[in-house]
Amino acid sequence: MDYFFFLSKYFCLGILVKRDAMSANMFRILLAGSDSRLLATRAAVLLKTGAVVVYRDTPGTLNILDRETFDLVVLCHSLPQEDVAVIVDKVRQKISDAKILMVTSELDGYRTQGDGKIDATSLPEPGQLVALAKQLLEVYSFASHAGA
């Protein structure tokens, strides 16, 4: 498979796109977290949704939300709870119809603030994350077209 990929060792940011699938009407996923290695792995998994996957740390996430829109925002369990709250508020303010998926850990004790939740510690296979992301993108697509 042929992919575009960018990862900076100085900044926690990257874009992962399947080269032969680039299209103006593709879904876009923003993945936010604080562990660059985990984000790169999770981005590779989410690429299986067929969407463009962009990942950033908290400052990068807040910055990109000022310039771009996304269909789904995935919040990694590596984010501090305070960052989760700030990112959720910004997503709801800037992209009110975007779906939010939280990857949590039973150990976190996080209060879910999104449209879906998946426990990172009980994932037997990455396919569950892909399936839930696809489901939320379908809901987003239906809601977007219903209002048009």
Protein backbone atom coordinates (compact mmCIF):
# COMPACT_ATOMS: atom_id res chain seq x y z
CA MET A 1 0.00 0.00 0.00
CA ASP A 2 1.10 3.50 -0.73
CA TYR A 3 0.64 6.15 1.99
CA PHE A 4 1.59 9.75 2.60
CA PHE A 5 2.94 10.05 6.11
CA PHE A 6 4.53 12.83 8.09
CA LEU A 7 5.76 12.58 11.65
CA SER A 8 7.95 15.12 13.33
CA LYS A 9 10.18 14.02 16.16
CA TYR A 10 9.94 17.54 17.57
CA PHE A 11 6.18 18.02 17.40
CA CYS A 12 3.39 15.59 17.99
CA LEU A 13 1.67 15.96 14.64
CA GLY A 14 1.08 13.95 11.56
CA ILE A 15 -1.15 13.30 8.61
CA LEU A 16 -1.81 9.82 7.33
CA VAL A 17 -3.64 9.45 4.03
CA LYS A 18 -3.99 6.51 1.69
CA ARG A 19 -2.54 7.92 -1.57
CA ASP A 20 -5.01 6.29 -3.98
CA ALA A 21 -8.00 7.34 -1.86
CA MET A 22 -7.48 11.11 -1.78
CA SER A 23 -10.70 12.88 -2.65
CA ALA A 24 -12.42 16.14 -1.78
CA ASN A 25 -15.43 14.30 -0.33
CA MET A 26 -13.55 11.96 2.01
CA PHE A 27 -14.31 11.93 5.70
CA ARG A 28 -11.74 13.65 7.91
CA ILE A 29 -10.75 12.40 11.36
CA LEU A 30 -8.79 14.45 13.90
CA LEU A 31 -7.02 12.34 16.52
CA ALA A 32 -5.87 14.18 19.65
CA GLY A 33 -3.48 12.86 22.28
CA SER A 34 -0.24 13.46 24.10
CA ASP A 35 1.78 10.35 23.17
CA SER A 36 3.18 10.66 19.63
CA ARG A 37 3.96 6.94 19.24
CA LEU A 38 0.48 5.92 20.35
CA LEU A 39 -1.08 8.54 18.08
CA ALA A 40 0.87 7.31 15.04
CA THR A 41 -0.24 3.73 15.70
CA ARG A 42 -3.85 4.70 16.33
CA ALA A 43 -3.83 6.89 13.19
CA ALA A 44 -2.66 3.91 11.12
CA VAL A 45 -5.54 1.86 12.54
CA LEU A 46 -8.10 4.62 11.86
CA LEU A 47 -6.88 4.89 8.29
CA LYS A 48 -8.78 1.63 7.72
CA THR A 49 -11.98 3.69 7.88
CA GLY A 50 -11.05 5.15 4.50
CA ALA A 51 -10.88 8.65 5.99
CA VAL A 52 -8.09 11.20 6.02
CA VAL A 53 -6.54 10.98 9.49
CA VAL A 54 -4.78 13.95 11.07
CA TYR A 55 -3.27 13.74 14.55
CA ARG A 56 -2.03 16.40 16.94
CA ASP A 57 -1.12 17.07 20.55
CA THR A 58 -3.38 19.45 22.54
CA PRO A 59 -1.90 22.78 21.32
CA GLY A 60 -1.85 21.46 17.74
CA THR A 61 -5.44 20.24 18.05
CA LEU A 62 -6.68 23.60 19.27
CA ASN A 63 -4.74 25.36 16.53
CA ILE A 64 -5.98 23.18 13.66
CA LEU A 65 -9.59 23.47 14.85
CA ASP A 66 -9.34 27.20 14.11
CA ARG A 67 -8.47 26.49 10.46
CA GLU A 68 -9.99 23.17 9.43
CA THR A 69 -13.11 21.08 9.92
CA PHE A 70 -13.41 17.40 10.73
CA ASP A 71 -16.21 14.87 10.68
CA LEU A 72 -14.95 12.91 13.68
CA VAL A 73 -12.66 13.91 16.54
CA VAL A 74 -11.05 11.04 18.45
CA LEU A 75 -9.70 11.87 21.91
CA CYS A 76 -6.99 9.52 23.12
CA HIS A 77 -6.81 8.33 26.71
CA SER A 78 -3.34 9.92 26.93
CA LEU A 79 -4.94 13.38 27.20
CA PRO A 80 -5.31 14.95 30.65
CA GLN A 81 -8.98 15.47 31.62
CA GLU A 82 -8.54 19.26 31.53
CA ASP A 83 -7.37 19.05 27.89
CA VAL A 84 -10.32 16.82 27.01
CA ALA A 85 -12.75 19.44 28.34
CA VAL A 86 -11.06 22.27 26.43
CA ILE A 87 -10.95 20.29 23.17
CA VAL A 88 -14.59 19.16 23.45
CA ASP A 89 -15.68 22.76 24.05
CA LYS A 90 -13.71 23.97 21.03
CA VAL A 91 -15.08 21.21 18.78
CA ARG A 92 -18.66 21.98 19.84
CA GLN A 93 -18.03 25.69 19.23
CA LYS A 94 -16.28 25.37 15.84
CA ILE A 95 -17.83 22.21 14.32
CA SER A 96 -21.12 21.68 16.11
CA ASP A 97 -22.16 18.65 14.05
CA ALA A 98 -18.83 16.77 14.32
CA LYS A 99 -18.91 13.52 16.30
CA ILE A 100 -16.52 12.94 19.20
CA LEU A 101 -15.16 9.51 20.12
CA MET A 102 -13.32 9.11 23.40
CA VAL A 103 -10.75 6.34 23.82
CA THR A 104 -10.69 5.86 27.57
CA SER A 105 -9.34 3.48 30.14
CA GLU A 106 -11.38 2.06 32.99
CA LEU A 107 -8.50 3.25 35.14
CA ASP A 108 -8.94 6.88 33.98
CA GLY A 109 -12.20 7.59 35.72
CA TYR A 110 -12.95 10.07 32.91
CA ARG A 111 -16.43 11.38 32.47
CA THR A 112 -17.44 10.75 28.87
CA GLN A 113 -17.96 14.00 26.98
CA GLY A 114 -18.43 12.72 23.46
CA ASP A 115 -20.77 10.80 21.19
CA GLY A 116 -19.06 7.47 21.71
CA LYS A 117 -16.61 5.77 24.03
CA ILE A 118 -14.30 2.80 23.70
CA ASP A 119 -12.10 1.32 26.42
CA ALA A 120 -8.47 1.09 25.28
CA THR A 121 -7.60 -1.51 27.93
CA SER A 122 -10.21 -4.01 26.78
CA LEU A 123 -9.69 -3.82 23.02
CA PRO A 124 -8.98 -7.36 21.83
CA GLU A 125 -8.35 -6.07 18.31
CA PRO A 126 -8.08 -2.70 16.55
CA GLY A 127 -11.08 -3.60 14.38
CA GLN A 128 -13.43 -2.49 17.16
CA LEU A 129 -12.04 1.04 17.04
CA VAL A 130 -12.38 1.10 13.24
CA ALA A 131 -15.96 -0.20 13.41
CA LEU A 132 -17.03 2.38 15.99
CA ALA A 133 -15.34 5.21 14.06
CA LYS A 134 -17.12 4.11 10.85
CA GLN A 135 -20.43 3.98 12.69
CA LEU A 136 -20.00 7.55 13.98
CA LEU A 137 -18.95 8.77 10.52
CA GLU A 138 -22.11 7.21 9.04
CA VAL A 139 -24.22 8.98 11.67
CA TYR A 140 -22.41 12.24 10.86
CA SER A 141 -22.99 11.73 7.13
CA PHE A 142 -26.69 10.97 7.61
CA ALA A 143 -27.19 13.99 9.88
CA SER A 144 -25.30 16.28 7.48
CA HIS A 145 -27.35 15.19 4.48
CA ALA A 146 -30.66 15.22 6.36
CA GLY A 147 -30.20 18.90 7.16
CA ALA A 148 -29.24 19.83 3.59
